[in-house]
Amino acid sequence: MIKFSSYLVLLILGLLTIVHSCKHDPVVPQTGDNPLETSDSCYSDTVYFVNDVLPILVSNCALSGCHDPVTAEDNVILNNYNNMIQSDVVTPFDLGDSDLYEAITETDPDKIMPPPPASPLSADQINTISTWINQGAKNNFCEGCDTTAFTFAAVIEPIINSSCTGCHSGATPSGYLTLVDYNDVQTIALNGSLEGVITGATGFEPMPFNANPLPDCKITQIINWINDGAPNN
């Protein structure tokens, strides 16, 4: 068996050396024909594309070999709002006419997205996307969050799930690192790797890989949680 110390080294290397199969392009909120709607506050009853939906798409769909601008599988590109709309996979207020929703809820393994061996989206991620479509599939963004709220279950885990697990899960996780449960996340939190990659500290590969960094508020929430001992709360 691998010694525990060696296991930690492998975890750190997994964060620093990312497998190219999970590479995606940097994502910038798009305007053009679909101006970005910005709110000074984030309301709990609203799903925001840039804050909530785009991280899920970037981590699970806009990958090399799938729906990034280079591959554009089935002529679908999901790396930003305009490309998604132009790909005609979402119909505002209509789940039944939204191919994106149909693909992520498929039961046929030959049709479901993300395709095996990648893990399917979680129920929470599917609910986020479906709620956003039902609310009009807007190109919207909100600023700020509560940095004093940083429990693992309510705050940290959802951030990890939306921005990290698309690459770090399944049969072939990027960098041989899985981030699918509390123990996985706690390990890299306590050894300093998590803070290093989300802040782009010297010696660390910035994460999410080749994408926009997490919003400052979310980074602060994660750091506050780490400084609190990374509890399973």
C-alpha atoms as a PDB file:
ATOM      1  CA  MET A   1       0.000   0.000   0.000  1.00  0.00           C
ATOM      2  CA  ILE A   2       1.102   3.574  -0.611  1.00  0.00           C
ATOM      3  CA  LYS A   3       2.224   5.269   2.570  1.00  0.00           C
ATOM      4  CA  PHE A   4       0.030   8.142   3.759  1.00  0.00           C
ATOM      5  CA  SER A   5       2.789  10.724   3.171  1.00  0.00           C
ATOM      6  CA  SER A   6       3.205   9.481  -0.384  1.00  0.00           C
ATOM      7  CA  TYR A   7      -0.529   9.739  -0.884  1.00  0.00           C
ATOM      8  CA  LEU A   8      -0.452  13.413   0.091  1.00  0.00           C
ATOM      9  CA  VAL A   9       2.333  14.020  -2.408  1.00  0.00           C
ATOM     10  CA  LEU A  10       0.242  12.413  -5.136  1.00  0.00           C
ATOM     11  CA  LEU A  11      -2.692  14.622  -4.237  1.00  0.00           C
ATOM     12  CA  ILE A  12      -0.574  17.764  -4.474  1.00  0.00           C
ATOM     13  CA  LEU A  13       0.913  16.655  -7.762  1.00  0.00           C
ATOM     14  CA  GLY A  14      -2.577  15.960  -8.997  1.00  0.00           C
ATOM     15  CA  LEU A  15      -3.445  19.592  -8.492  1.00  0.00           C
ATOM     16  CA  LEU A  16      -0.241  20.876 -10.038  1.00  0.00           C
ATOM     17  CA  THR A  17      -0.174  18.579 -13.069  1.00  0.00           C
ATOM     18  CA  ILE A  18      -3.537  18.653 -14.779  1.00  0.00           C
ATOM     19  CA  VAL A  19      -4.444  16.137 -17.447  1.00  0.00           C
ATOM     20  CA  HIS A  20      -5.033  17.877 -20.782  1.00  0.00           C
ATOM     21  CA  SER A  21      -8.257  15.952 -21.415  1.00  0.00           C
ATOM     22  CA  CYS A  22      -9.960  18.335 -19.019  1.00  0.00           C
ATOM     23  CA  LYS A  23      -8.621  21.513 -20.613  1.00  0.00           C
ATOM     24  CA  HIS A  24     -11.078  24.296 -21.358  1.00  0.00           C
ATOM     25  CA  ASP A  25     -10.725  27.823 -22.638  1.00  0.00           C
ATOM     26  CA  PRO A  26     -10.786  30.905 -20.424  1.00  0.00           C
ATOM     27  CA  VAL A  27     -14.349  32.082 -19.999  1.00  0.00           C
ATOM     28  CA  VAL A  28     -15.373  35.713 -20.157  1.00  0.00           C
ATOM     29  CA  PRO A  29     -18.987  36.863 -19.690  1.00  0.00           C
ATOM     30  CA  GLN A  30     -20.225  37.793 -23.148  1.00  0.00           C
ATOM     31  CA  THR A  31     -22.368  40.753 -24.169  1.00  0.00           C
ATOM     32  CA  GLY A  32     -23.013  41.338 -27.868  1.00  0.00           C
ATOM     33  CA  ASP A  33     -26.614  40.488 -28.721  1.00  0.00           C
ATOM     34  CA  ASN A  34     -27.219  39.375 -25.124  1.00  0.00           C
ATOM     35  CA  PRO A  35     -26.104  42.125 -22.731  1.00  0.00           C
ATOM     36  CA  LEU A  36     -25.017  40.998 -19.288  1.00  0.00           C
ATOM     37  CA  GLU A  37     -27.557  41.862 -16.592  1.00  0.00           C
ATOM     38  CA  THR A  38     -25.695  42.767 -13.402  1.00  0.00           C
ATOM     39  CA  SER A  39     -27.157  42.924  -9.905  1.00  0.00           C
ATOM     40  CA  ASP A  40     -25.440  44.500  -6.915  1.00  0.00           C
ATOM     41  CA  SER A  41     -26.874  41.781  -4.669  1.00  0.00           C
ATOM     42  CA  CYS A  42     -27.326  38.029  -5.020  1.00  0.00           C
ATOM     43  CA  TYR A  43     -30.882  36.933  -4.274  1.00  0.00           C
ATOM     44  CA  SER A  44     -31.437  33.403  -2.999  1.00  0.00           C
ATOM     45  CA  ASP A  45     -34.506  32.856  -5.175  1.00  0.00           C
ATOM     46  CA  THR A  46     -32.655  33.723  -8.404  1.00  0.00           C
ATOM     47  CA  VAL A  47     -30.219  31.564 -10.387  1.00  0.00           C
ATOM     48  CA  TYR A  48     -27.480  33.584 -12.106  1.00  0.00           C
ATOM     49  CA  PHE A  49     -25.824  32.357 -15.299  1.00  0.00           C
ATOM     50  CA  VAL A  50     -22.300  33.655 -14.589  1.00  0.00           C
ATOM     51  CA  ASN A  51     -22.319  32.751 -10.888  1.00  0.00           C
ATOM     52  CA  ASP A  52     -24.219  29.479 -10.899  1.00  0.00           C
ATOM     53  CA  VAL A  53     -24.690  27.943 -14.358  1.00  0.00           C
ATOM     54  CA  LEU A  54     -21.482  28.796 -16.232  1.00  0.00           C
ATOM     55  CA  PRO A  55     -19.167  27.080 -13.693  1.00  0.00           C
ATOM     56  CA  ILE A  56     -21.154  23.857 -14.152  1.00  0.00           C
ATOM     57  CA  LEU A  57     -20.907  24.077 -17.946  1.00  0.00           C
ATOM     58  CA  VAL A  58     -17.198  24.935 -17.920  1.00  0.00           C
ATOM     59  CA  SER A  59     -16.323  22.122 -15.507  1.00  0.00           C
ATOM     60  CA  ASN A  60     -18.476  19.459 -17.144  1.00  0.00           C
ATOM     61  CA  CYS A  61     -19.233  20.369 -20.749  1.00  0.00           C
ATOM     62  CA  ALA A  62     -16.922  22.965 -22.348  1.00  0.00           C
ATOM     63  CA  LEU A  63     -13.993  20.562 -22.361  1.00  0.00           C
ATOM     64  CA  SER A  64     -11.523  19.574 -25.040  1.00  0.00           C
ATOM     65  CA  GLY A  65     -13.123  16.810 -27.087  1.00  0.00           C
ATOM     66  CA  CYS A  66     -16.620  17.918 -26.142  1.00  0.00           C
ATOM     67  CA  HIS A  67     -18.246  21.341 -26.289  1.00  0.00           C
ATOM     68  CA  ASP A  68     -15.300  23.731 -26.321  1.00  0.00           C
ATOM     69  CA  PRO A  69     -14.871  26.127 -29.293  1.00  0.00           C
ATOM     70  CA  VAL A  70     -12.289  23.872 -30.970  1.00  0.00           C
ATOM     71  CA  THR A  71     -14.162  20.576 -30.854  1.00  0.00           C
ATOM     72  CA  ALA A  72     -17.738  21.909 -30.885  1.00  0.00           C
ATOM     73  CA  GLU A  73     -19.236  18.418 -30.739  1.00  0.00           C
ATOM     74  CA  ASP A  74     -22.578  18.393 -32.608  1.00  0.00           C
ATOM     75  CA  ASN A  75     -21.985  22.094 -33.337  1.00  0.00           C
ATOM     76  CA  VAL A  76     -22.611  22.895 -29.681  1.00  0.00           C
ATOM     77  CA  ILE A  77     -20.283  25.268 -27.798  1.00  0.00           C
ATOM     78  CA  LEU A  78     -20.914  25.874 -24.097  1.00  0.00           C
ATOM     79  CA  ASN A  79     -18.017  28.056 -22.944  1.00  0.00           C
ATOM     80  CA  ASN A  80     -20.021  31.295 -22.694  1.00  0.00           C
ATOM     81  CA  TYR A  81     -23.559  32.613 -22.936  1.00  0.00           C
ATOM     82  CA  ASN A  82     -23.578  33.769 -26.565  1.00  0.00           C
ATOM     83  CA  ASN A  83     -22.077  30.526 -27.856  1.00  0.00           C
ATOM     84  CA  MET A  84     -24.617  28.528 -25.879  1.00  0.00           C
ATOM     85  CA  ILE A  85     -27.540  30.565 -27.220  1.00  0.00           C
ATOM     86  CA  GLN A  86     -26.211  30.350 -30.779  1.00  0.00           C
ATOM     87  CA  SER A  87     -25.940  26.578 -30.338  1.00  0.00           C
ATOM     88  CA  ASP A  88     -29.735  26.582 -29.859  1.00  0.00           C
ATOM     89  CA  VAL A  89     -29.750  24.235 -26.874  1.00  0.00           C
ATOM     90  CA  VAL A  90     -31.794  26.406 -24.510  1.00  0.00           C
ATOM     91  CA  THR A  91     -35.269  27.856 -24.878  1.00  0.00           C
ATOM     92  CA  PRO A  92     -36.125  30.393 -22.147  1.00  0.00           C
ATOM     93  CA  PHE A  93     -39.010  29.322 -19.885  1.00  0.00           C
ATOM     94  CA  ASP A  94     -39.311  25.953 -21.672  1.00  0.00           C
ATOM     95  CA  LEU A  95     -37.510  22.865 -20.351  1.00  0.00           C
ATOM     96  CA  GLY A  96     -39.276  20.622 -22.848  1.00  0.00           C
ATOM     97  CA  ASP A  97     -37.761  22.512 -25.777  1.00  0.00           C
ATOM     98  CA  SER A  98     -34.275  22.843 -24.242  1.00  0.00           C
ATOM     99  CA  ASP A  99     -31.823  20.260 -25.568  1.00  0.00           C
ATOM    100  CA  LEU A 100     -29.377  21.071 -22.767  1.00  0.00           C
ATOM    101  CA  TYR A 101     -31.892  20.011 -20.123  1.00  0.00           C
ATOM    102  CA  GLU A 102     -32.838  16.905 -22.090  1.00  0.00           C
ATOM    103  CA  ALA A 103     -29.187  15.863 -22.404  1.00  0.00           C
ATOM    104  CA  ILE A 104     -28.346  16.231 -18.696  1.00  0.00           C
ATOM    105  CA  THR A 105     -31.461  14.306 -17.626  1.00  0.00           C
ATOM    106  CA  GLU A 106     -31.160  11.460 -20.166  1.00  0.00           C
ATOM    107  CA  THR A 107     -31.212   7.899 -18.837  1.00  0.00           C
ATOM    108  CA  ASP A 108     -29.751   6.391 -22.012  1.00  0.00           C
ATOM    109  CA  PRO A 109     -25.951   6.082 -21.465  1.00  0.00           C
ATOM    110  CA  ASP A 110     -25.415   6.737 -25.190  1.00  0.00           C
ATOM    111  CA  LYS A 111     -27.175  10.103 -24.977  1.00  0.00           C
ATOM    112  CA  ILE A 112     -26.623  11.461 -21.475  1.00  0.00           C
ATOM    113  CA  MET A 113     -24.298  14.396 -20.961  1.00  0.00           C
ATOM    114  CA  PRO A 114     -21.637  14.430 -19.699  1.00  0.00           C
ATOM    115  CA  PRO A 115     -21.059  11.037 -21.351  1.00  0.00           C
ATOM    116  CA  PRO A 116     -19.538   8.085 -19.470  1.00  0.00           C
ATOM    117  CA  PRO A 117     -17.025   7.573 -17.952  1.00  0.00           C
ATOM    118  CA  ALA A 118     -17.589  11.124 -16.692  1.00  0.00           C
ATOM    119  CA  SER A 119     -19.971  11.421 -13.775  1.00  0.00           C
ATOM    120  CA  PRO A 120     -23.472  12.708 -14.549  1.00  0.00           C
ATOM    121  CA  LEU A 121     -24.513  16.058 -13.112  1.00  0.00           C
ATOM    122  CA  SER A 122     -25.836  15.942  -9.573  1.00  0.00           C
ATOM    123  CA  ALA A 123     -29.482  16.549  -8.735  1.00  0.00           C
ATOM    124  CA  ASP A 124     -28.534  19.989  -7.360  1.00  0.00           C
ATOM    125  CA  GLN A 125     -26.680  20.929 -10.563  1.00  0.00           C
ATOM    126  CA  ILE A 126     -29.595  19.788 -12.721  1.00  0.00           C
ATOM    127  CA  ASN A 127     -31.978  21.774 -10.518  1.00  0.00           C
ATOM    128  CA  THR A 128     -29.766  24.865 -10.874  1.00  0.00           C
ATOM    129  CA  ILE A 129     -29.836  24.658 -14.674  1.00  0.00           C
ATOM    130  CA  SER A 130     -33.547  23.859 -14.870  1.00  0.00           C
ATOM    131  CA  THR A 131     -34.460  26.711 -12.514  1.00  0.00           C
ATOM    132  CA  TRP A 132     -32.325  29.100 -14.557  1.00  0.00           C
ATOM    133  CA  ILE A 133     -34.103  28.045 -17.783  1.00  0.00           C
ATOM    134  CA  ASN A 134     -37.520  28.368 -16.126  1.00  0.00           C
ATOM    135  CA  GLN A 135     -36.548  31.871 -14.962  1.00  0.00           C
ATOM    136  CA  GLY A 136     -35.875  32.911 -18.555  1.00  0.00           C
ATOM    137  CA  ALA A 137     -32.305  31.667 -19.192  1.00  0.00           C
ATOM    138  CA  LYS A 138     -30.928  35.169 -18.674  1.00  0.00           C
ATOM    139  CA  ASN A 139     -27.338  36.305 -19.141  1.00  0.00           C
ATOM    140  CA  ASN A 140     -27.164  37.537 -15.567  1.00  0.00           C
ATOM    141  CA  PHE A 141     -24.583  38.059 -12.854  1.00  0.00           C
ATOM    142  CA  CYS A 142     -24.663  39.170  -9.229  1.00  0.00           C
ATOM    143  CA  GLU A 143     -21.925  40.695  -7.122  1.00  0.00           C
ATOM    144  CA  GLY A 144     -21.024  39.836  -3.568  1.00  0.00           C
ATOM    145  CA  CYS A 145     -21.852  37.108  -1.086  1.00  0.00           C
ATOM    146  CA  ASP A 146     -21.770  36.648   2.673  1.00  0.00           C
ATOM    147  CA  THR A 147     -18.140  35.991   3.607  1.00  0.00           C
ATOM    148  CA  THR A 148     -19.197  35.176   7.183  1.00  0.00           C
ATOM    149  CA  ALA A 149     -21.080  32.131   5.874  1.00  0.00           C
ATOM    150  CA  PHE A 150     -18.688  29.307   5.089  1.00  0.00           C
ATOM    151  CA  THR A 151     -20.023  25.972   6.320  1.00  0.00           C
ATOM    152  CA  PHE A 152     -18.942  22.989   4.255  1.00  0.00           C
ATOM    153  CA  ALA A 153     -22.422  21.681   3.412  1.00  0.00           C
ATOM    154  CA  ALA A 154     -24.077  24.995   2.535  1.00  0.00           C
ATOM    155  CA  VAL A 155     -21.195  26.913   0.939  1.00  0.00           C
ATOM    156  CA  ILE A 156     -17.925  25.065   0.310  1.00  0.00           C
ATOM    157  CA  GLU A 157     -19.291  21.833  -1.144  1.00  0.00           C
ATOM    158  CA  PRO A 158     -21.553  23.619  -3.684  1.00  0.00           C
ATOM    159  CA  ILE A 159     -18.555  25.706  -4.870  1.00  0.00           C
ATOM    160  CA  ILE A 160     -16.440  22.574  -5.289  1.00  0.00           C
ATOM    161  CA  ASN A 161     -19.274  20.709  -7.020  1.00  0.00           C
ATOM    162  CA  SER A 162     -19.947  23.465  -9.537  1.00  0.00           C
ATOM    163  CA  SER A 163     -16.363  24.456 -10.297  1.00  0.00           C
ATOM    164  CA  CYS A 164     -14.176  21.397  -9.640  1.00  0.00           C
ATOM    165  CA  THR A 165     -15.867  18.000  -9.653  1.00  0.00           C
ATOM    166  CA  GLY A 166     -16.502  18.011 -13.394  1.00  0.00           C
ATOM    167  CA  CYS A 167     -12.759  17.489 -13.867  1.00  0.00           C
ATOM    168  CA  HIS A 168     -11.965  15.826 -10.549  1.00  0.00           C
ATOM    169  CA  SER A 169     -14.404  12.914 -10.533  1.00  0.00           C
ATOM    170  CA  GLY A 170     -15.296   9.791 -12.456  1.00  0.00           C
ATOM    171  CA  ALA A 171     -13.102   6.918 -13.617  1.00  0.00           C
ATOM    172  CA  THR A 172     -10.319   9.159 -14.943  1.00  0.00           C
ATOM    173  CA  PRO A 173     -10.175  12.265 -12.726  1.00  0.00           C
ATOM    174  CA  SER A 174      -7.912  15.049 -13.892  1.00  0.00           C
ATOM    175  CA  GLY A 175      -4.522  14.903 -12.224  1.00  0.00           C
ATOM    176  CA  TYR A 176      -5.594  11.597 -10.612  1.00  0.00           C
ATOM    177  CA  LEU A 177      -7.333  13.693  -7.973  1.00  0.00           C
ATOM    178  CA  THR A 178     -10.957  13.211  -6.947  1.00  0.00           C
ATOM    179  CA  LEU A 179     -12.937  15.906  -5.150  1.00  0.00           C
ATOM    180  CA  VAL A 180     -16.246  14.189  -4.619  1.00  0.00           C
ATOM    181  CA  ASP A 181     -16.656  14.185  -0.850  1.00  0.00           C
ATOM    182  CA  TYR A 182     -15.650  15.951   2.334  1.00  0.00           C
ATOM    183  CA  ASN A 183     -12.552  13.820   2.974  1.00  0.00           C
ATOM    184  CA  ASP A 184     -11.166  14.611  -0.487  1.00  0.00           C
ATOM    185  CA  VAL A 185     -11.616  18.345  -0.019  1.00  0.00           C
ATOM    186  CA  GLN A 186     -10.412  18.365   3.590  1.00  0.00           C
ATOM    187  CA  THR A 187      -7.117  16.712   2.612  1.00  0.00           C
ATOM    188  CA  ILE A 188      -6.142  19.396   0.096  1.00  0.00           C
ATOM    189  CA  ALA A 189      -7.494  22.118   2.378  1.00  0.00           C
ATOM    190  CA  LEU A 190      -5.301  21.149   5.311  1.00  0.00           C
ATOM    191  CA  ASN A 191      -2.123  20.644   3.263  1.00  0.00           C
ATOM    192  CA  GLY A 192      -2.409  24.110   1.700  1.00  0.00           C
ATOM    193  CA  SER A 193      -3.079  23.009  -1.865  1.00  0.00           C
ATOM    194  CA  LEU A 194      -6.665  24.237  -2.060  1.00  0.00           C
ATOM    195  CA  GLU A 195      -5.846  27.806  -1.046  1.00  0.00           C
ATOM    196  CA  GLY A 196      -2.769  27.748  -3.284  1.00  0.00           C
ATOM    197  CA  VAL A 197      -4.631  26.834  -6.454  1.00  0.00           C
ATOM    198  CA  ILE A 198      -7.682  29.073  -5.993  1.00  0.00           C
ATOM    199  CA  THR A 199      -5.485  32.106  -5.271  1.00  0.00           C
ATOM    200  CA  GLY A 200      -2.892  31.268  -7.929  1.00  0.00           C
ATOM    201  CA  ALA A 201      -0.092  31.347  -5.372  1.00  0.00           C
ATOM    202  CA  THR A 202       3.498  30.868  -6.540  1.00  0.00           C
ATOM    203  CA  GLY A 203       4.159  27.223  -7.341  1.00  0.00           C
ATOM    204  CA  PHE A 204       0.504  26.332  -7.890  1.00  0.00           C
ATOM    205  CA  GLU A 205      -1.475  25.924 -11.106  1.00  0.00           C
ATOM    206  CA  PRO A 206      -4.406  28.383 -10.860  1.00  0.00           C
ATOM    207  CA  MET A 207      -7.789  26.692 -10.637  1.00  0.00           C
ATOM    208  CA  PRO A 208     -10.330  26.338 -12.162  1.00  0.00           C
ATOM    209  CA  PHE A 209      -7.943  25.321 -14.941  1.00  0.00           C
ATOM    210  CA  ASN A 210      -7.777  27.750 -17.899  1.00  0.00           C
ATOM    211  CA  ALA A 211     -10.980  29.404 -16.709  1.00  0.00           C
ATOM    212  CA  ASN A 212     -11.846  32.580 -14.857  1.00  0.00           C
ATOM    213  CA  PRO A 213     -10.781  32.442 -11.194  1.00  0.00           C
ATOM    214  CA  LEU A 214     -13.451  32.047  -8.568  1.00  0.00           C
ATOM    215  CA  PRO A 215     -15.036  35.341  -7.461  1.00  0.00           C
ATOM    216  CA  ASP A 216     -13.139  37.025  -4.630  1.00  0.00           C
ATOM    217  CA  CYS A 217     -16.032  36.475  -2.250  1.00  0.00           C
ATOM    218  CA  LYS A 218     -16.043  32.707  -2.836  1.00  0.00           C
ATOM    219  CA  ILE A 219     -12.271  32.575  -2.411  1.00  0.00           C
ATOM    220  CA  THR A 220     -12.659  34.388   0.910  1.00  0.00           C
ATOM    221  CA  GLN A 221     -15.345  31.931   2.002  1.00  0.00           C
ATOM    222  CA  ILE A 222     -13.063  28.974   1.244  1.00  0.00           C
ATOM    223  CA  ILE A 223     -10.084  30.556   3.004  1.00  0.00           C
ATOM    224  CA  ASN A 224     -12.246  31.363   6.048  1.00  0.00           C
ATOM    225  CA  TRP A 225     -13.391  27.742   6.137  1.00  0.00           C
ATOM    226  CA  ILE A 226      -9.805  26.489   5.899  1.00  0.00           C
ATOM    227  CA  ASN A 227      -8.664  28.867   8.639  1.00  0.00           C
ATOM    228  CA  ASP A 228     -11.495  27.550  10.807  1.00  0.00           C
ATOM    229  CA  GLY A 229      -9.966  24.067  10.560  1.00  0.00           C
ATOM    230  CA  ALA A 230     -11.875  22.873   7.471  1.00  0.00           C
ATOM    231  CA  PRO A 231     -14.691  21.332   9.549  1.00  0.00           C
ATOM    232  CA  ASN A 232     -17.363  19.003   8.188  1.00  0.00           C
ATOM    233  CA  ASN A 233     -20.175  21.342   9.180  1.00  0.00           C
END
